[in-house]
N, C-alpha and C. Protein backbone atom coordinates (compact mmCIF):
# COMPACT_ATOMS: atom_id res chain seq x y z
N MET A 1 4.98 0.73 -11.11
CA MET A 1 4.13 -0.27 -10.14
C MET A 1 3.26 0.34 -9.41
N ARG A 2 2.15 0.12 -9.60
CA ARG A 2 1.10 0.27 -8.51
C ARG A 2 0.98 -0.30 -7.40
N LEU A 3 1.56 0.09 -6.43
CA LEU A 3 1.37 -0.69 -4.86
C LEU A 3 0.53 -0.17 -3.76
N PRO A 4 0.39 -1.17 -2.83
CA PRO A 4 -0.03 -0.97 -1.70
C PRO A 4 0.83 -0.79 -0.28
N ALA A 5 0.91 -0.57 0.58
CA ALA A 5 1.83 -0.92 1.43
C ALA A 5 1.14 -0.59 2.54
N ASN A 6 1.07 -1.45 3.82
CA ASN A 6 -0.04 -1.34 4.67
C ASN A 6 1.03 -0.48 5.99
N GLU A 7 0.44 -0.10 6.90
CA GLU A 7 1.34 1.08 7.60
C GLU A 7 2.30 0.52 8.50
N ASN A 8 2.96 -0.46 8.48
CA ASN A 8 3.76 -1.24 9.22
C ASN A 8 5.16 -1.46 8.06
N ILE A 9 5.33 -1.18 6.82
CA ILE A 9 5.92 -1.28 6.13
C ILE A 9 6.83 0.30 6.74
N PRO A 10 8.02 -0.09 6.65
CA PRO A 10 8.67 1.34 7.45
C PRO A 10 9.18 2.13 6.05
N GLY A 11 9.11 3.20 6.60
CA GLY A 11 9.36 4.56 5.48
C GLY A 11 10.58 4.26 4.65
N GLU A 12 11.75 3.49 4.94
CA GLU A 12 13.11 3.40 4.39
C GLU A 12 12.36 2.34 2.95
N VAL A 13 11.63 1.80 3.16
CA VAL A 13 11.21 1.09 2.47
C VAL A 13 10.69 1.91 0.98
N ILE A 14 9.63 2.87 1.68
CA ILE A 14 8.48 3.34 0.78
C ILE A 14 9.58 4.47 0.07
N THR A 15 10.37 5.29 0.84
CA THR A 15 10.97 5.79 -0.04
C THR A 15 11.46 5.95 -1.20
N PRO A 16 12.51 4.71 -1.30
CA PRO A 16 12.95 4.09 -2.52
C PRO A 16 12.23 4.05 -3.77
N LEU A 17 11.27 3.16 -3.34
CA LEU A 17 10.46 2.75 -4.54
C LEU A 17 9.40 4.29 -4.42
N GLN A 18 9.53 5.39 -4.01
CA GLN A 18 8.50 6.08 -4.60
C GLN A 18 9.42 7.33 -5.69
N SER A 19 10.80 6.93 -5.05
CA SER A 19 11.92 7.75 -6.00
C SER A 19 12.18 7.49 -7.21
N ARG A 20 11.90 5.87 -7.18
CA ARG A 20 12.26 4.99 -8.37
C ARG A 20 11.21 4.98 -9.52
N GLY A 21 9.66 5.63 -8.76
CA GLY A 21 8.65 6.11 -9.76
C GLY A 21 7.85 5.09 -9.56
N HIS A 22 7.66 4.36 -8.73
CA HIS A 22 6.47 3.60 -8.00
C HIS A 22 5.79 4.35 -7.35
N ASP A 23 4.03 3.80 -7.36
CA ASP A 23 3.49 4.66 -6.93
C ASP A 23 2.55 3.59 -5.93
N VAL A 24 3.44 4.23 -4.64
CA VAL A 24 2.76 3.50 -3.67
C VAL A 24 2.01 4.22 -2.73
N ARG A 25 1.25 3.44 -2.23
CA ARG A 25 -0.23 3.94 -1.41
C ARG A 25 0.49 3.68 -0.19
N TRP A 26 0.79 4.42 0.36
CA TRP A 26 1.01 4.21 2.17
C TRP A 26 -0.24 4.28 3.28
N MET A 27 -0.50 3.45 3.83
CA MET A 27 -1.44 3.20 4.78
C MET A 27 -0.87 4.11 5.99
N LEU A 28 -0.04 4.17 6.48
CA LEU A 28 0.70 5.07 7.36
C LEU A 28 0.13 6.47 7.22
N THR A 29 0.36 6.98 6.04
CA THR A 29 0.01 8.43 5.83
C THR A 29 -1.58 8.62 4.92
N GLU A 30 -2.00 7.59 5.09
CA GLU A 30 -3.27 7.47 3.68
C GLU A 30 -4.57 6.91 4.60
N GLY A 31 -4.47 6.14 5.55
CA GLY A 31 -5.24 5.21 6.19
C GLY A 31 -5.17 4.92 7.45
N ALA A 32 -4.69 5.18 8.22
CA ALA A 32 -3.73 4.31 9.87
C ALA A 32 -5.08 3.71 10.17
N GLY A 33 -4.89 2.57 11.01
CA GLY A 33 -5.81 2.01 11.45
C GLY A 33 -6.73 1.16 10.85
N ASN A 34 -6.47 1.46 9.24
CA ASN A 34 -7.60 0.37 9.12
C ASN A 34 -7.19 -0.87 8.93
N THR A 35 -8.54 -1.53 8.99
CA THR A 35 -8.48 -3.03 8.82
C THR A 35 -7.38 -4.00 7.70
N ASP A 36 -6.83 -5.20 7.57
CA ASP A 36 -6.27 -5.60 6.59
C ASP A 36 -7.42 -5.68 5.40
N GLU A 37 -8.44 -6.23 5.67
CA GLU A 37 -9.60 -5.80 4.73
C GLU A 37 -9.53 -4.93 3.71
N ALA A 38 -9.90 -3.98 4.49
CA ALA A 38 -10.54 -2.68 4.32
C ALA A 38 -8.62 -2.28 3.54
N VAL A 39 -7.86 -2.20 3.60
CA VAL A 39 -6.44 -1.99 2.82
C VAL A 39 -6.57 -3.26 1.05
N LEU A 40 -6.71 -4.13 1.51
CA LEU A 40 -6.81 -4.76 0.66
C LEU A 40 -8.03 -4.70 -0.65
N SER A 41 -9.17 -4.46 0.23
CA SER A 41 -10.05 -3.67 -0.56
C SER A 41 -10.07 -2.46 -1.60
N ARG A 42 -9.53 -1.61 -0.79
CA ARG A 42 -8.67 -0.28 -1.85
C ARG A 42 -7.87 -0.87 -2.81
N ALA A 43 -6.76 -1.66 -2.14
CA ALA A 43 -6.03 -2.00 -3.50
C ALA A 43 -6.91 -2.83 -4.51
N ARG A 44 -7.43 -3.38 -4.31
CA ARG A 44 -8.10 -3.82 -5.57
C ARG A 44 -9.24 -3.07 -6.21
N ALA A 45 -9.60 -1.98 -5.45
CA ALA A 45 -10.49 -0.60 -6.71
C ALA A 45 -9.60 0.07 -6.59
N GLU A 46 -8.29 0.16 -6.51
CA GLU A 46 -7.55 1.00 -7.28
C GLU A 46 -6.43 0.18 -8.21
N GLN A 47 -6.89 -0.73 -8.25
CA GLN A 47 -6.26 -1.60 -9.41
C GLN A 47 -4.70 -1.56 -9.10
N ARG A 48 -4.50 -1.70 -7.69
CA ARG A 48 -2.49 -1.97 -7.54
C ARG A 48 -2.61 -3.65 -6.97
N PHE A 49 -1.12 -3.51 -7.19
CA PHE A 49 -0.90 -5.42 -7.32
C PHE A 49 -0.91 -5.54 -5.20
N ALA A 50 -1.84 -6.95 -5.29
CA ALA A 50 -2.07 -7.37 -4.22
C ALA A 50 -2.70 -8.63 -3.91
N CYS A 51 -2.32 -9.60 -3.00
CA CYS A 51 -2.42 -10.87 -2.90
C CYS A 51 -3.69 -10.79 -2.07
N ASP A 52 -4.35 -11.83 -2.42
CA ASP A 52 -5.59 -11.77 -1.90
C ASP A 52 -5.81 -13.44 -1.22
N PHE A 53 -5.77 -13.47 0.33
CA PHE A 53 -5.51 -14.07 0.56
C PHE A 53 -6.49 -15.30 1.27
N ARG A 54 -7.78 -14.81 0.87
CA ARG A 54 -8.74 -15.63 1.21
C ARG A 54 -8.80 -17.04 0.86
C-alpha cells in the first residue's frame, strides 16, 4: 500500500509499516513544515491513499 504520513506520525508507526513492505512517504523526513494542503496535494499526485476533507 502507498501511504502518506504527516510529520506528526511517530516513527514507531512508520517503521513497522515500511518493514511490512508498505511504501510510506513520511513528511518528517521528506517535507517537514509543509502545509496540510501541500501534503494532501503531494499524496494525490503520487496516487497515495489520502482522505480529502474539503
